[in-house]
Amino acid sequence: MSIRGSGAFLGGVGGIYNASGGGGFDPDAQAFIDAALITGATQQEALNDYVLSLKNIGVWNKLDAIYPMCPIDDLTATRDSYKFNLKDPRDLDAAFRITWINSPTASVSGITGDGSSSYGNTNYNANSNAILNDHCLGFVGDIGGNNMGASVANNPYNSFLGGRYWGVNSSFSNNAGCYTDGFVLQQRTASNAMAIYDDSSTPSATSAAVSSSMPNINYYILGRNFNNSISGFSSTTYNHFFFGSSLLTSEINDFINAIETFNTALGR
């Protein structure tokens, strides 16, 4: 997979803040490290710098859930460590902790579906937890099948990123060439404004389809939740999933760079 850019950019307004050498970790980073049992010094430092970066660029407070798929150490990764939400790493459904179904594969590269039965339930209900007309969702990984999200038949606000599916009025299908491997973000900023971003803060596709309501079901990853049934399993590898409020153009650009810096530090 590829993410635009060539690694870290440090300092400056809107830049990535590197806290290496500081006196202790950020409390939110430490809470996630403790929950996910991350013991590797490299992984701990990368995670801490990533949290500080997201706070510095203004993205942290806009997202409800971030799953960075940070390995425990250089050689070890588990589904259990990958289930936690960086924003709220409590081991609770209410914290949008992922429930893994049929054992997707965890590796230091990320999480990989089997293309036939495995997926994750984020316990994030789009209707209850998301904001209509101010919402984003996305991933970093290799596209394939249905990547993430939720949709309901005859609902023109299908919050969904998939490789084959075109929502009733407002989702994008990769059959239309909207995105490639790497960083992908889809967001709605108004009732008639929706866009998708592919490794860039410039939209690769836009839509003026009018929204109505959010699907009253949970977001799945490695597949689509379609009326509380899994649809379109993915068999590819992802190292990030996220969703929350919509982002500004500058925040999208900085978010891409923050993830690139994090993944580079982890050697992936």
Protein backbone atom coordinates (compact mmCIF):
# COMPACT_ATOMS: atom_id res chain seq x y z
CA MET A 1 0.00 0.00 0.00
CA SER A 2 1.08 3.61 -0.35
CA ILE A 3 0.42 6.78 1.56
CA ARG A 4 1.35 10.04 -0.10
CA GLY A 5 4.51 11.58 1.29
CA SER A 6 7.90 10.34 2.37
CA GLY A 7 7.74 10.28 6.14
CA ALA A 8 7.90 12.70 9.03
CA PHE A 9 7.52 16.43 8.88
CA LEU A 10 8.23 18.05 12.21
CA GLY A 11 7.41 21.30 13.95
CA GLY A 12 5.65 24.43 12.78
CA VAL A 13 2.02 25.39 12.78
CA GLY A 14 -0.01 22.44 11.52
CA GLY A 15 3.09 20.26 11.48
CA ILE A 16 3.75 17.01 13.25
CA TYR A 17 4.89 17.45 16.82
CA ASN A 18 7.61 15.03 17.90
CA ALA A 19 7.82 14.65 21.66
CA SER A 20 10.74 12.22 21.72
CA GLY A 21 12.96 12.92 24.66
CA GLY A 22 10.19 14.56 26.65
CA GLY A 23 9.33 13.77 30.25
CA GLY A 24 6.82 10.94 30.02
CA PHE A 25 4.05 9.97 27.65
CA ASP A 26 0.82 11.78 26.90
CA PRO A 27 -1.92 10.42 29.23
CA ASP A 28 -4.15 9.35 26.33
CA ALA A 29 -1.26 7.56 24.67
CA GLN A 30 -0.34 5.87 27.95
CA ALA A 31 -3.92 4.68 28.49
CA PHE A 32 -3.90 3.01 25.07
CA ILE A 33 -0.44 1.52 25.62
CA ASP A 34 -1.63 0.01 28.89
CA ALA A 35 -4.87 -1.35 27.43
CA ALA A 36 -3.26 -2.84 24.32
CA LEU A 37 -0.30 -4.21 26.32
CA ILE A 38 2.23 -2.50 24.04
CA THR A 39 5.67 -3.31 25.47
CA GLY A 40 8.05 -2.42 22.63
CA ALA A 41 9.91 0.84 23.14
CA THR A 42 9.70 1.69 19.44
CA GLN A 43 5.96 1.05 19.36
CA GLN A 44 5.32 3.02 22.55
CA GLU A 45 7.31 6.01 21.30
CA ALA A 46 5.62 5.93 17.88
CA LEU A 47 2.17 5.75 19.46
CA ASN A 48 2.90 8.63 21.83
CA ASP A 49 4.22 10.84 19.03
CA TYR A 50 1.19 9.96 16.92
CA VAL A 51 -1.26 11.02 19.64
CA LEU A 52 0.61 14.30 20.14
CA SER A 53 0.59 14.87 16.38
CA LEU A 54 -3.17 14.35 16.12
CA LYS A 55 -3.75 16.80 18.95
CA ASN A 56 -1.39 19.36 17.45
CA ILE A 57 -3.08 19.33 14.02
CA GLY A 58 -6.63 19.49 15.38
CA VAL A 59 -7.76 16.01 14.33
CA TRP A 60 -7.84 14.36 17.76
CA ASN A 61 -10.99 16.10 19.02
CA LYS A 62 -12.84 15.57 15.74
CA LEU A 63 -12.64 11.79 15.59
CA ASP A 64 -14.76 9.43 17.68
CA ALA A 65 -12.68 6.33 17.00
CA ILE A 66 -9.18 5.60 15.73
CA TYR A 67 -7.82 2.08 15.39
CA PRO A 68 -4.06 2.40 14.68
CA MET A 69 -3.32 -1.35 14.76
CA CYS A 70 -0.10 -0.76 16.70
CA PRO A 71 1.88 -4.00 17.27
CA ILE A 72 2.90 -5.02 20.79
CA ASP A 73 6.58 -5.11 19.79
CA ASP A 74 8.69 -5.63 16.67
CA LEU A 75 7.48 -9.22 16.18
CA THR A 76 4.14 -9.52 17.94
CA ALA A 77 0.60 -8.46 17.14
CA THR A 78 -2.70 -9.86 18.37
CA ARG A 79 -6.35 -9.30 17.58
CA ASP A 80 -6.87 -8.45 21.23
CA SER A 81 -4.35 -5.59 21.06
CA TYR A 82 -5.92 -4.35 17.83
CA LYS A 83 -9.47 -4.14 19.18
CA PHE A 84 -8.97 -0.95 21.19
CA ASN A 85 -10.09 2.55 20.22
CA LEU A 86 -7.24 5.04 20.65
CA LYS A 87 -9.73 7.75 21.68
CA ASP A 88 -11.25 5.62 24.46
CA PRO A 89 -9.31 2.40 25.16
CA ARG A 90 -11.70 0.96 27.72
CA ASP A 91 -12.59 -2.68 27.12
CA LEU A 92 -16.26 -1.85 26.55
CA ASP A 93 -18.68 -1.80 23.63
CA ALA A 94 -19.59 1.75 24.67
CA ALA A 95 -15.98 2.76 23.98
CA PHE A 96 -16.30 1.39 20.42
CA ARG A 97 -14.08 -1.57 21.22
CA ILE A 98 -13.97 -3.91 18.21
CA THR A 99 -15.59 -7.32 18.52
CA TRP A 100 -13.74 -9.66 16.13
CA ILE A 101 -15.81 -12.29 14.33
CA ASN A 102 -14.26 -15.47 12.88
CA SER A 103 -10.66 -14.56 13.63
CA PRO A 104 -9.16 -12.15 11.09
CA THR A 105 -5.35 -12.33 11.04
CA ALA A 106 -3.30 -9.87 13.09
CA SER A 107 0.30 -9.17 12.05
CA VAL A 108 2.76 -6.33 12.53
CA SER A 109 1.48 -5.03 9.17
CA GLY A 110 -2.09 -4.70 10.42
CA ILE A 111 -5.32 -6.71 10.32
CA THR A 112 -6.27 -8.96 7.39
CA GLY A 113 -9.64 -10.48 6.57
CA ASP A 114 -10.10 -13.93 5.06
CA GLY A 115 -12.48 -12.75 2.32
CA SER A 116 -15.22 -15.14 3.36
CA SER A 117 -16.22 -14.94 7.04
CA SER A 118 -14.00 -12.73 9.24
CA TYR A 119 -14.75 -9.11 10.15
CA GLY A 120 -14.95 -6.68 13.05
CA ASN A 121 -17.96 -5.03 14.70
CA THR A 122 -16.88 -1.59 15.99
CA ASN A 123 -20.00 -1.23 18.16
CA TYR A 124 -20.36 2.29 16.70
CA ASN A 125 -23.95 2.94 15.71
CA ALA A 126 -24.02 5.51 12.92
CA ASN A 127 -27.48 6.83 13.82
CA SER A 128 -26.74 7.16 17.54
CA ASN A 129 -23.11 8.24 17.48
CA ALA A 130 -22.45 10.11 14.23
CA ILE A 131 -23.53 13.61 13.22
CA LEU A 132 -25.66 13.88 10.10
CA ASN A 133 -23.99 16.14 7.50
CA ASP A 134 -20.79 16.39 9.55
CA HIS A 135 -19.15 12.99 9.43
CA CYS A 136 -16.17 11.13 8.02
CA LEU A 137 -14.97 7.54 7.89
CA GLY A 138 -11.88 5.99 6.39
CA PHE A 139 -9.00 3.54 6.42
CA VAL A 140 -5.42 2.96 5.41
CA GLY A 141 -4.88 -0.28 3.55
CA ASP A 142 -5.16 -2.33 0.41
CA ILE A 143 -8.61 -1.99 -1.15
CA GLY A 144 -10.61 -5.11 -1.78
CA GLY A 145 -14.22 -6.15 -1.33
CA ASN A 146 -16.19 -4.03 1.11
CA ASN A 147 -13.75 -2.20 3.34
CA MET A 148 -15.90 -0.76 6.14
CA GLY A 149 -19.16 0.89 7.09
CA ALA A 150 -22.90 0.38 7.30
CA SER A 151 -25.81 0.71 4.90
CA VAL A 152 -29.55 0.15 4.91
CA ALA A 153 -31.69 -0.47 1.86
CA ASN A 154 -33.43 2.65 0.49
CA ASN A 155 -31.43 4.93 2.80
CA PRO A 156 -29.72 7.73 0.85
CA TYR A 157 -27.07 8.21 3.52
CA ASN A 158 -25.20 4.93 3.30
CA SER A 159 -22.08 5.48 5.40
CA PHE A 160 -19.93 3.05 3.56
CA LEU A 161 -16.59 2.61 1.82
CA GLY A 162 -16.52 -0.38 -0.46
CA GLY A 163 -14.73 -1.78 -3.45
CA ARG A 164 -17.86 -2.74 -5.39
CA TYR A 165 -20.94 -1.13 -3.88
CA TRP A 166 -22.60 2.13 -4.95
CA GLY A 167 -24.96 3.52 -2.32
CA VAL A 168 -28.53 4.49 -3.18
CA ASN A 169 -27.59 8.14 -3.61
CA SER A 170 -24.46 8.99 -1.74
CA SER A 171 -21.77 6.32 -1.46
CA PHE A 172 -18.94 5.79 -3.89
CA SER A 173 -17.94 2.59 -5.64
CA ASN A 174 -14.39 1.90 -6.64
CA ASN A 175 -15.81 0.72 -9.94
CA ALA A 176 -15.94 4.46 -10.60
CA GLY A 177 -12.19 4.71 -9.91
CA CYS A 178 -12.62 6.82 -6.79
CA TYR A 179 -9.67 5.47 -4.85
CA THR A 180 -6.64 3.20 -4.76
CA ASP A 181 -4.60 1.52 -2.04
CA GLY A 182 -3.44 3.77 0.80
CA PHE A 183 -5.23 6.49 2.78
CA VAL A 184 -8.93 6.78 1.93
CA LEU A 185 -11.39 9.16 3.59
CA GLN A 186 -15.04 9.75 2.74
CA GLN A 187 -16.94 12.59 4.37
CA ARG A 188 -20.10 14.67 4.25
CA THR A 189 -19.88 18.36 5.16
CA ALA A 190 -23.43 19.43 4.26
CA SER A 191 -26.75 17.87 3.30
CA ASN A 192 -25.72 18.12 -0.35
CA ALA A 193 -21.92 17.89 -0.13
CA MET A 194 -19.99 14.64 -0.01
CA ALA A 195 -16.44 13.84 -1.12
CA ILE A 196 -13.86 11.08 -1.12
CA TYR A 197 -10.11 11.59 -0.71
CA ASP A 198 -7.39 9.22 -1.86
CA ASP A 199 -3.89 9.93 -0.48
CA SER A 200 -4.58 13.63 -1.00
CA SER A 201 -6.41 16.60 0.49
CA THR A 202 -7.91 17.17 -2.96
CA PRO A 203 -11.10 15.14 -3.52
CA SER A 204 -10.91 12.33 -6.04
CA ALA A 205 -14.72 12.39 -6.39
CA THR A 206 -17.62 14.49 -5.11
CA SER A 207 -21.38 14.13 -4.84
CA ALA A 208 -24.28 16.53 -4.31
CA ALA A 209 -26.66 13.74 -3.32
CA VAL A 210 -28.96 14.90 -0.51
CA SER A 211 -28.78 13.13 2.85
CA SER A 212 -31.71 11.98 4.97
CA SER A 213 -30.69 9.92 8.01
CA MET A 214 -27.84 7.77 9.23
CA PRO A 215 -28.19 3.97 9.18
CA ASN A 216 -29.32 2.70 12.58
CA ILE A 217 -26.78 -0.15 12.67
CA ASN A 218 -23.15 -0.57 13.71
CA TYR A 219 -20.14 0.05 11.51
CA TYR A 220 -18.26 -3.08 10.51
CA ILE A 221 -14.68 -3.26 9.27
CA LEU A 222 -13.29 -5.84 6.81
CA GLY A 223 -16.81 -5.90 5.42
CA ARG A 224 -20.08 -3.99 5.22
CA ASN A 225 -22.91 -4.15 7.72
CA PHE A 226 -25.95 -4.38 5.48
CA ASN A 227 -29.12 -4.46 7.61
CA ASN A 228 -27.25 -6.24 10.42
CA SER A 229 -25.82 -8.84 8.06
CA ILE A 230 -22.23 -8.94 6.87
CA SER A 231 -21.74 -8.29 3.15
CA GLY A 232 -18.73 -8.22 0.84
CA PHE A 233 -15.88 -9.56 2.97
CA SER A 234 -12.40 -8.14 2.42
CA SER A 235 -9.24 -10.26 2.19
CA THR A 236 -6.72 -7.42 2.29
CA THR A 237 -4.60 -5.78 5.02
CA TYR A 238 -5.38 -2.53 6.83
CA ASN A 239 -3.41 -0.67 9.49
CA HIS A 240 -5.93 2.09 10.28
CA PHE A 241 -9.66 2.62 10.53
CA PHE A 242 -11.26 5.83 11.80
CA PHE A 243 -14.52 7.80 11.91
CA GLY A 244 -15.90 10.98 13.44
CA SER A 245 -16.70 14.54 12.39
CA SER A 246 -15.64 15.89 9.01
CA LEU A 247 -12.14 17.35 8.58
CA LEU A 248 -10.85 20.56 7.01
CA THR A 249 -8.63 20.34 3.94
CA SER A 250 -5.55 21.26 5.98
CA GLU A 251 -6.45 18.64 8.60
CA ILE A 252 -6.77 15.92 5.97
CA ASN A 253 -3.32 16.79 4.63
CA ASP A 254 -1.78 16.77 8.10
CA PHE A 255 -3.62 13.58 9.05
CA ILE A 256 -2.11 11.78 6.06
CA ASN A 257 1.35 12.95 7.11
CA ALA A 258 0.79 11.96 10.74
CA ILE A 259 -0.18 8.43 9.73
CA GLU A 260 2.77 8.24 7.35
CA THR A 261 5.13 9.28 10.16
CA PHE A 262 3.58 6.73 12.53
CA ASN A 263 3.78 3.89 10.02
CA THR A 264 7.34 4.79 9.08
CA ALA A 265 8.36 4.64 12.74
CA LEU A 266 6.81 1.17 12.93
CA GLY A 267 8.65 0.04 9.80
CA ARG A 268 5.55 -0.52 7.67
